[in-house]
């Protein structure tokens, strides 16, 4: 569990590129409620968050557009083409539920990870910069 001050600081700095492995419950379809951000409006959200683990993905696969200007929307998409619901399914009722999740490379948007590798080979300074972030 984290305290509210730390949560708010993380939200301010990384809210548009990171999130938490917590989602609203599944509705009538597997992908339902994946993008429902109301869970982060709960005044007791810090009681559910888990700072024992951090998940690190490679890079954003799509442009990160805040849903209604709300933070933490990365990994919480309602888009039919996104598979964020699979993370919810894999992590529900595990010790990893509520963990912090982020992309290591935050500024290069690409679906194909082999293109990310090629880009980083040509721009090695991006690796160091993003590690420092």
C-alpha atoms as a PDB file:
ATOM      1  CA  UNK A   1       0.000   0.000   0.000  1.00  0.00           C
ATOM      2  CA  UNK A   2       1.191   3.520  -0.734  1.00  0.00           C
ATOM      3  CA  UNK A   3       0.234   6.743   0.964  1.00  0.00           C
ATOM      4  CA  UNK A   4      -1.870   9.409  -0.726  1.00  0.00           C
ATOM      5  CA  UNK A   5       1.024  11.880  -1.009  1.00  0.00           C
ATOM      6  CA  UNK A   6       3.160   9.403  -2.954  1.00  0.00           C
ATOM      7  CA  UNK A   7       0.178   8.387  -5.098  1.00  0.00           C
ATOM      8  CA  UNK A   8      -0.553  12.016  -6.011  1.00  0.00           C
ATOM      9  CA  UNK A   9       3.108  12.698  -6.821  1.00  0.00           C
ATOM     10  CA  UNK A  10       3.241   9.673  -9.131  1.00  0.00           C
ATOM     11  CA  UNK A  11      -0.033  10.762 -10.730  1.00  0.00           C
ATOM     12  CA  UNK A  12       1.306  14.254 -11.351  1.00  0.00           C
ATOM     13  CA  UNK A  13       4.585  13.106 -12.902  1.00  0.00           C
ATOM     14  CA  UNK A  14       3.694   9.815 -14.599  1.00  0.00           C
ATOM     15  CA  UNK A  15      -0.106   9.719 -14.743  1.00  0.00           C
ATOM     16  CA  UNK A  16      -0.158  10.124 -18.501  1.00  0.00           C
ATOM     17  CA  UNK A  17       2.348   7.314 -19.237  1.00  0.00           C
ATOM     18  CA  UNK A  18       1.859   4.769 -16.447  1.00  0.00           C
ATOM     19  CA  UNK A  19      -0.907   3.157 -14.453  1.00  0.00           C
ATOM     20  CA  UNK A  20      -1.783   0.447 -11.975  1.00  0.00           C
ATOM     21  CA  UNK A  21      -2.801  -3.160 -12.568  1.00  0.00           C
ATOM     22  CA  UNK A  22      -6.295  -2.601 -11.331  1.00  0.00           C
ATOM     23  CA  UNK A  23      -9.440  -2.463 -13.418  1.00  0.00           C
ATOM     24  CA  UNK A  24     -13.164  -2.264 -12.931  1.00  0.00           C
ATOM     25  CA  UNK A  25     -14.861  -5.672 -12.770  1.00  0.00           C
ATOM     26  CA  UNK A  26     -15.714  -7.444 -16.010  1.00  0.00           C
ATOM     27  CA  UNK A  27     -19.201  -6.745 -17.287  1.00  0.00           C
ATOM     28  CA  UNK A  28     -21.177  -8.719 -19.854  1.00  0.00           C
ATOM     29  CA  UNK A  29     -18.212  -9.027 -22.258  1.00  0.00           C
ATOM     30  CA  UNK A  30     -14.521  -9.815 -21.658  1.00  0.00           C
ATOM     31  CA  UNK A  31     -13.412  -6.328 -22.737  1.00  0.00           C
ATOM     32  CA  UNK A  32     -16.144  -4.471 -20.873  1.00  0.00           C
ATOM     33  CA  UNK A  33     -15.136  -1.827 -18.324  1.00  0.00           C
ATOM     34  CA  UNK A  34     -11.432  -2.051 -19.217  1.00  0.00           C
ATOM     35  CA  UNK A  35     -11.344   1.692 -19.795  1.00  0.00           C
ATOM     36  CA  UNK A  36     -13.597   2.627 -16.879  1.00  0.00           C
ATOM     37  CA  UNK A  37     -11.391   4.964 -14.869  1.00  0.00           C
ATOM     38  CA  UNK A  38     -13.850   5.530 -12.030  1.00  0.00           C
ATOM     39  CA  UNK A  39     -11.871   3.073  -9.901  1.00  0.00           C
ATOM     40  CA  UNK A  40      -9.218   5.762  -9.480  1.00  0.00           C
ATOM     41  CA  UNK A  41     -11.781   8.188  -8.065  1.00  0.00           C
ATOM     42  CA  UNK A  42     -12.362   6.018  -5.008  1.00  0.00           C
ATOM     43  CA  UNK A  43     -11.093   7.843  -1.908  1.00  0.00           C
ATOM     44  CA  UNK A  44      -9.653   4.538  -0.653  1.00  0.00           C
ATOM     45  CA  UNK A  45      -7.692   3.740  -3.833  1.00  0.00           C
ATOM     46  CA  UNK A  46      -4.383   3.613  -1.939  1.00  0.00           C
ATOM     47  CA  UNK A  47      -5.701   0.708   0.133  1.00  0.00           C
ATOM     48  CA  UNK A  48      -5.929  -1.378  -3.045  1.00  0.00           C
ATOM     49  CA  UNK A  49      -2.668  -0.360  -4.700  1.00  0.00           C
ATOM     50  CA  UNK A  50       0.347  -2.600  -4.335  1.00  0.00           C
ATOM     51  CA  UNK A  51       3.876  -1.188  -4.312  1.00  0.00           C
ATOM     52  CA  UNK A  52       5.569  -4.580  -3.922  1.00  0.00           C
ATOM     53  CA  UNK A  53       5.781  -5.152  -7.686  1.00  0.00           C
ATOM     54  CA  UNK A  54       6.334  -3.102 -10.829  1.00  0.00           C
ATOM     55  CA  UNK A  55       5.419  -4.274 -14.320  1.00  0.00           C
ATOM     56  CA  UNK A  56       7.507  -2.838 -17.142  1.00  0.00           C
ATOM     57  CA  UNK A  57       6.338  -3.050 -20.747  1.00  0.00           C
ATOM     58  CA  UNK A  58       8.417  -1.966 -23.719  1.00  0.00           C
ATOM     59  CA  UNK A  59       6.702   1.060 -25.244  1.00  0.00           C
ATOM     60  CA  UNK A  60       3.285   2.529 -25.971  1.00  0.00           C
ATOM     61  CA  UNK A  61       1.711   0.777 -28.925  1.00  0.00           C
ATOM     62  CA  UNK A  62      -0.765   3.573 -29.548  1.00  0.00           C
ATOM     63  CA  UNK A  63      -0.851   7.278 -28.869  1.00  0.00           C
ATOM     64  CA  UNK A  64      -1.681   7.822 -25.216  1.00  0.00           C
ATOM     65  CA  UNK A  65      -4.717  10.039 -25.153  1.00  0.00           C
ATOM     66  CA  UNK A  66      -6.143  10.722 -21.741  1.00  0.00           C
ATOM     67  CA  UNK A  67      -9.758   9.659 -21.482  1.00  0.00           C
ATOM     68  CA  UNK A  68     -11.571  12.820 -20.496  1.00  0.00           C
ATOM     69  CA  UNK A  69      -8.214  14.193 -19.218  1.00  0.00           C
ATOM     70  CA  UNK A  70      -7.941  11.469 -16.594  1.00  0.00           C
ATOM     71  CA  UNK A  71      -4.566  10.064 -15.538  1.00  0.00           C
ATOM     72  CA  UNK A  72      -3.621   6.397 -15.452  1.00  0.00           C
ATOM     73  CA  UNK A  73      -5.328   5.583 -18.775  1.00  0.00           C
ATOM     74  CA  UNK A  74      -2.291   3.714 -20.139  1.00  0.00           C
ATOM     75  CA  UNK A  75      -3.113  -0.028 -20.103  1.00  0.00           C
ATOM     76  CA  UNK A  76      -6.810   0.851 -19.663  1.00  0.00           C
ATOM     77  CA  UNK A  77      -8.240   1.123 -23.150  1.00  0.00           C
ATOM     78  CA  UNK A  78     -11.791   0.489 -24.301  1.00  0.00           C
ATOM     79  CA  UNK A  79     -10.621   0.219 -27.907  1.00  0.00           C
ATOM     80  CA  UNK A  80     -11.731  -3.015 -29.608  1.00  0.00           C
ATOM     81  CA  UNK A  81      -8.232  -3.412 -31.057  1.00  0.00           C
ATOM     82  CA  UNK A  82      -6.446  -3.241 -27.691  1.00  0.00           C
ATOM     83  CA  UNK A  83      -5.913  -6.235 -25.422  1.00  0.00           C
ATOM     84  CA  UNK A  84      -5.654  -4.548 -22.027  1.00  0.00           C
ATOM     85  CA  UNK A  85      -8.446  -6.808 -20.818  1.00  0.00           C
ATOM     86  CA  UNK A  86      -5.986  -9.730 -20.936  1.00  0.00           C
ATOM     87  CA  UNK A  87      -3.872  -8.092 -18.232  1.00  0.00           C
ATOM     88  CA  UNK A  88      -6.965  -7.718 -16.076  1.00  0.00           C
ATOM     89  CA  UNK A  89      -7.819 -11.377 -16.602  1.00  0.00           C
ATOM     90  CA  UNK A  90      -4.258 -12.583 -15.868  1.00  0.00           C
ATOM     91  CA  UNK A  91      -3.810 -10.498 -12.706  1.00  0.00           C
ATOM     92  CA  UNK A  92      -7.248 -10.682 -11.072  1.00  0.00           C
ATOM     93  CA  UNK A  93      -7.060 -12.306  -7.630  1.00  0.00           C
ATOM     94  CA  UNK A  94      -3.260 -12.562  -7.698  1.00  0.00           C
ATOM     95  CA  UNK A  95      -0.626 -10.960  -5.494  1.00  0.00           C
ATOM     96  CA  UNK A  96       0.173  -8.685  -8.450  1.00  0.00           C
ATOM     97  CA  UNK A  97      -3.231  -6.975  -8.481  1.00  0.00           C
ATOM     98  CA  UNK A  98      -2.831  -3.225  -7.958  1.00  0.00           C
ATOM     99  CA  UNK A  99       0.858  -3.090  -8.945  1.00  0.00           C
ATOM    100  CA  UNK A 100       2.424  -0.152 -10.749  1.00  0.00           C
ATOM    101  CA  UNK A 101       2.798  -0.592 -14.537  1.00  0.00           C
ATOM    102  CA  UNK A 102       4.691   1.503 -17.046  1.00  0.00           C
ATOM    103  CA  UNK A 103       6.507   1.440 -20.385  1.00  0.00           C
ATOM    104  CA  UNK A 104      10.297   1.710 -20.234  1.00  0.00           C
ATOM    105  CA  UNK A 105      10.441   3.612 -23.542  1.00  0.00           C
ATOM    106  CA  UNK A 106       7.821   6.311 -23.170  1.00  0.00           C
ATOM    107  CA  UNK A 107       8.368   8.465 -26.259  1.00  0.00           C
ATOM    108  CA  UNK A 108       8.399   5.992 -29.151  1.00  0.00           C
ATOM    109  CA  UNK A 109       4.978   4.770 -30.207  1.00  0.00           C
ATOM    110  CA  UNK A 110       5.095   1.556 -32.209  1.00  0.00           C
ATOM    111  CA  UNK A 111       3.031  -1.647 -32.363  1.00  0.00           C
ATOM    112  CA  UNK A 112       5.821  -3.820 -33.785  1.00  0.00           C
ATOM    113  CA  UNK A 113       8.522  -4.393 -31.143  1.00  0.00           C
ATOM    114  CA  UNK A 114      11.127  -5.237 -33.798  1.00  0.00           C
ATOM    115  CA  UNK A 115      10.763  -1.649 -35.047  1.00  0.00           C
ATOM    116  CA  UNK A 116      11.361  -0.428 -31.498  1.00  0.00           C
ATOM    117  CA  UNK A 117      14.584  -2.420 -31.378  1.00  0.00           C
ATOM    118  CA  UNK A 118      15.733  -0.954 -34.710  1.00  0.00           C
ATOM    119  CA  UNK A 119      14.917   2.552 -33.507  1.00  0.00           C
ATOM    120  CA  UNK A 120      16.809   2.095 -30.256  1.00  0.00           C
ATOM    121  CA  UNK A 121      19.816   0.686 -32.112  1.00  0.00           C
ATOM    122  CA  UNK A 122      19.955   3.944 -34.083  1.00  0.00           C
ATOM    123  CA  UNK A 123      19.210   6.148 -31.040  1.00  0.00           C
ATOM    124  CA  UNK A 124      20.925   4.562 -28.014  1.00  0.00           C
ATOM    125  CA  UNK A 125      20.684   7.802 -26.038  1.00  0.00           C
ATOM    126  CA  UNK A 126      16.910   7.206 -25.848  1.00  0.00           C
ATOM    127  CA  UNK A 127      17.499   4.122 -23.711  1.00  0.00           C
ATOM    128  CA  UNK A 128      19.531   5.991 -21.105  1.00  0.00           C
ATOM    129  CA  UNK A 129      17.117   8.930 -21.101  1.00  0.00           C
ATOM    130  CA  UNK A 130      14.101   6.695 -20.504  1.00  0.00           C
ATOM    131  CA  UNK A 131      15.828   4.620 -17.845  1.00  0.00           C
ATOM    132  CA  UNK A 132      16.540   7.852 -15.975  1.00  0.00           C
ATOM    133  CA  UNK A 133      12.888   8.875 -16.287  1.00  0.00           C
END
